[in-house]
Amino acid sequence: FEALGHEPDVVHMHAHWQENGKHRDSGETFQGPDFTKDFHTFAVEWSPEKIVWFVDGVKRHELAGKSPKEPMYLLANMAVGGDYPGSPDASTPFPASFDIDYIRVYESTSAPTLEKGDPDKKKHKDNKKNKRKKQKRKRNRRVGAARRPR
């Protein structure tokens, strides 16, 4: 999420990443209430398949099929100037503050799934020995047989 001081009712929902040595980004803009008047809940669900942005519990944008494959991180800061949105001028309010009530990060308890064609997916063919071991373990579990610790 990015918010610019001169647009208090707009949030930009973007993902930024590197691909083949080039900066890539994709996102959407959401116009809502004046976000400076009260606290709001901003959330992101990020999985290998997609990134979904929520504002106050309502889904506002989804980026499917372009989820970055590199390690990512969360950044919460207040930046002034730079290429985006430009240098401060006489209309820029100072002092300025960026008030955060809390930040929570959760990790999914279910294992991520890889879709067909994913370059990170590894195909393994069980050899006959491994198949026999698996079948024996299944049989032992079905009848409740005790197994020796390994």
Protein backbone atom coordinates (compact mmCIF):
# COMPACT_ATOMS: atom_id res chain seq x y z
CA PHE A 1 0.00 0.00 0.00
CA GLU A 2 1.19 3.47 -0.79
CA ALA A 3 -0.51 6.72 0.19
CA LEU A 4 0.53 10.16 -0.98
CA GLY A 5 0.01 13.14 1.31
CA HIS A 6 -1.69 15.28 -1.32
CA GLU A 7 -4.27 12.48 -1.96
CA PRO A 8 -5.68 11.69 1.51
CA ASP A 9 -8.55 9.63 0.07
CA VAL A 10 -6.46 7.40 -2.22
CA VAL A 11 -4.38 4.28 -1.59
CA HIS A 12 -2.24 2.58 -4.20
CA MET A 13 -2.06 -1.22 -4.00
CA HIS A 14 1.09 -2.31 -5.81
CA ALA A 15 3.61 -5.12 -5.81
CA HIS A 16 7.19 -4.34 -6.82
CA TRP A 17 9.79 -6.97 -7.75
CA GLN A 18 12.79 -7.72 -9.95
CA GLU A 19 12.41 -9.93 -13.01
CA ASN A 20 15.27 -10.67 -15.38
CA GLY A 21 17.19 -7.78 -13.83
CA LYS A 22 14.39 -5.26 -14.42
CA HIS A 23 12.03 -3.53 -12.01
CA ARG A 24 8.46 -4.74 -12.38
CA ASP A 25 5.31 -3.56 -10.65
CA SER A 26 1.62 -4.14 -10.95
CA GLY A 27 -1.27 -2.68 -9.04
CA GLU A 28 -4.42 -0.67 -8.73
CA THR A 29 -5.63 2.57 -7.12
CA PHE A 30 -8.53 2.71 -4.67
CA GLN A 31 -10.36 5.92 -3.81
CA GLY A 32 -12.15 5.81 -0.47
CA PRO A 33 -12.74 8.08 2.49
CA ASP A 34 -10.19 10.56 3.80
CA PHE A 35 -7.82 8.00 5.34
CA THR A 36 -6.19 10.68 7.54
CA LYS A 37 -9.34 11.19 9.65
CA ASP A 38 -9.34 7.81 11.43
CA PHE A 39 -7.51 4.49 11.71
CA HIS A 40 -8.18 1.96 8.95
CA THR A 41 -7.33 -1.70 8.45
CA PHE A 42 -5.15 -2.51 5.47
CA ALA A 43 -4.42 -6.17 4.77
CA VAL A 44 -2.60 -8.26 2.19
CA GLU A 45 -2.90 -11.99 1.57
CA TRP A 46 0.12 -13.20 -0.33
CA SER A 47 0.44 -16.74 -1.71
CA PRO A 48 2.48 -18.28 -4.53
CA GLU A 49 -0.57 -17.93 -6.79
CA LYS A 50 -1.78 -14.41 -6.03
CA ILE A 51 -1.68 -11.27 -3.91
CA VAL A 52 -4.96 -9.84 -2.59
CA TRP A 53 -5.34 -6.37 -1.02
CA PHE A 54 -8.10 -5.45 1.46
CA VAL A 55 -9.16 -2.06 2.83
CA ASP A 56 -11.27 -2.18 6.00
CA GLY A 57 -12.06 -5.87 5.41
CA VAL A 58 -13.21 -5.44 1.79
CA LYS A 59 -11.24 -6.96 -1.10
CA ARG A 60 -10.08 -4.09 -3.32
CA HIS A 61 -7.54 -5.65 -5.68
CA GLU A 62 -6.16 -9.04 -6.71
CA LEU A 63 -2.98 -9.76 -8.63
CA ALA A 64 -3.15 -13.34 -9.90
CA GLY A 65 -0.50 -15.18 -11.86
CA LYS A 66 2.17 -12.52 -11.31
CA SER A 67 3.04 -13.17 -7.68
CA PRO A 68 6.78 -12.53 -7.24
CA LYS A 69 8.90 -15.67 -6.90
CA GLU A 70 11.64 -13.95 -4.91
CA PRO A 71 11.80 -13.34 -1.13
CA MET A 72 9.75 -10.29 -0.18
CA TYR A 73 9.36 -8.16 2.94
CA LEU A 74 7.01 -5.71 4.59
CA LEU A 75 8.02 -2.06 4.74
CA ALA A 76 6.16 0.57 6.77
CA ASN A 77 7.63 4.05 6.48
CA MET A 78 6.90 7.68 5.74
CA ALA A 79 9.02 8.96 2.89
CA VAL A 80 9.22 12.59 1.82
CA GLY A 81 10.28 13.50 -1.70
CA GLY A 82 11.97 11.35 -4.28
CA ASP A 83 10.86 10.44 -7.78
CA TYR A 84 7.41 9.44 -6.51
CA PRO A 85 5.55 11.75 -5.76
CA GLY A 86 8.22 14.41 -6.17
CA SER A 87 9.89 16.94 -3.92
CA PRO A 88 7.98 18.72 -1.15
CA ASP A 89 6.87 22.28 -1.81
CA ALA A 90 5.13 25.12 0.07
CA SER A 91 1.87 23.13 0.16
CA THR A 92 3.49 20.13 1.90
CA PRO A 93 2.27 20.00 5.51
CA PHE A 94 5.03 19.92 8.14
CA PRO A 95 5.32 18.49 10.67
CA ALA A 96 3.82 15.26 9.34
CA SER A 97 3.18 11.94 11.07
CA PHE A 98 2.49 8.34 10.10
CA ASP A 99 0.52 6.76 12.94
CA ILE A 100 0.37 2.96 13.12
CA ASP A 101 -1.78 1.31 15.79
CA TYR A 102 -0.44 -2.19 15.10
CA ILE A 103 1.10 -4.45 12.47
CA ARG A 104 0.41 -8.18 12.50
CA VAL A 105 1.98 -10.78 10.27
CA TYR A 106 0.50 -14.26 9.97
CA GLU A 107 1.84 -17.30 8.18
CA SER A 108 -0.52 -19.82 6.64
CA THR A 109 -0.62 -23.18 8.40
CA SER A 110 -1.41 -25.02 5.17
CA ALA A 111 1.36 -25.92 2.78
CA PRO A 112 1.53 -23.84 -0.39
CA THR A 113 0.44 -25.58 -3.55
CA LEU A 114 2.22 -25.46 -6.86
CA GLU A 115 0.16 -25.30 -10.00
CA LYS A 116 0.88 -27.23 -13.18
CA GLY A 117 3.65 -25.58 -15.13
CA ASP A 118 5.22 -23.81 -12.16
CA PRO A 119 9.00 -23.67 -12.76
CA ASP A 120 9.67 -24.33 -9.08
CA LYS A 121 7.74 -27.62 -9.15
CA LYS A 122 9.95 -30.69 -8.99
CA LYS A 123 8.77 -34.00 -10.36
CA HIS A 124 9.85 -37.08 -8.47
CA LYS A 125 9.22 -40.61 -9.61
CA ASP A 126 9.17 -43.14 -6.81
CA ASN A 127 11.20 -46.19 -7.51
CA LYS A 128 9.71 -49.63 -6.77
CA LYS A 129 11.48 -49.87 -3.39
CA ASN A 130 9.93 -46.59 -2.15
CA LYS A 131 6.50 -47.62 -3.42
CA ARG A 132 6.72 -50.91 -1.50
CA LYS A 133 7.74 -49.05 1.69
CA LYS A 134 4.81 -46.66 1.34
CA GLN A 135 2.36 -49.52 0.77
CA LYS A 136 3.72 -51.38 3.81
CA ARG A 137 3.40 -48.27 6.02
CA LYS A 138 -0.19 -47.78 4.85
CA ARG A 139 -1.02 -51.41 5.62
CA ASN A 140 0.54 -51.13 9.08
CA ARG A 141 -1.47 -48.01 9.89
CA ARG A 142 -4.71 -49.62 8.75
CA VAL A 143 -4.39 -52.58 11.10
CA GLY A 144 -2.86 -50.56 13.92
CA ALA A 145 0.43 -52.44 13.90
CA ALA A 146 3.23 -50.98 15.99
CA ARG A 147 6.22 -49.73 14.08
CA ARG A 148 9.78 -49.74 15.23
CA PRO A 149 11.28 -46.25 15.74
CA ARG A 150 13.76 -45.27 13.04
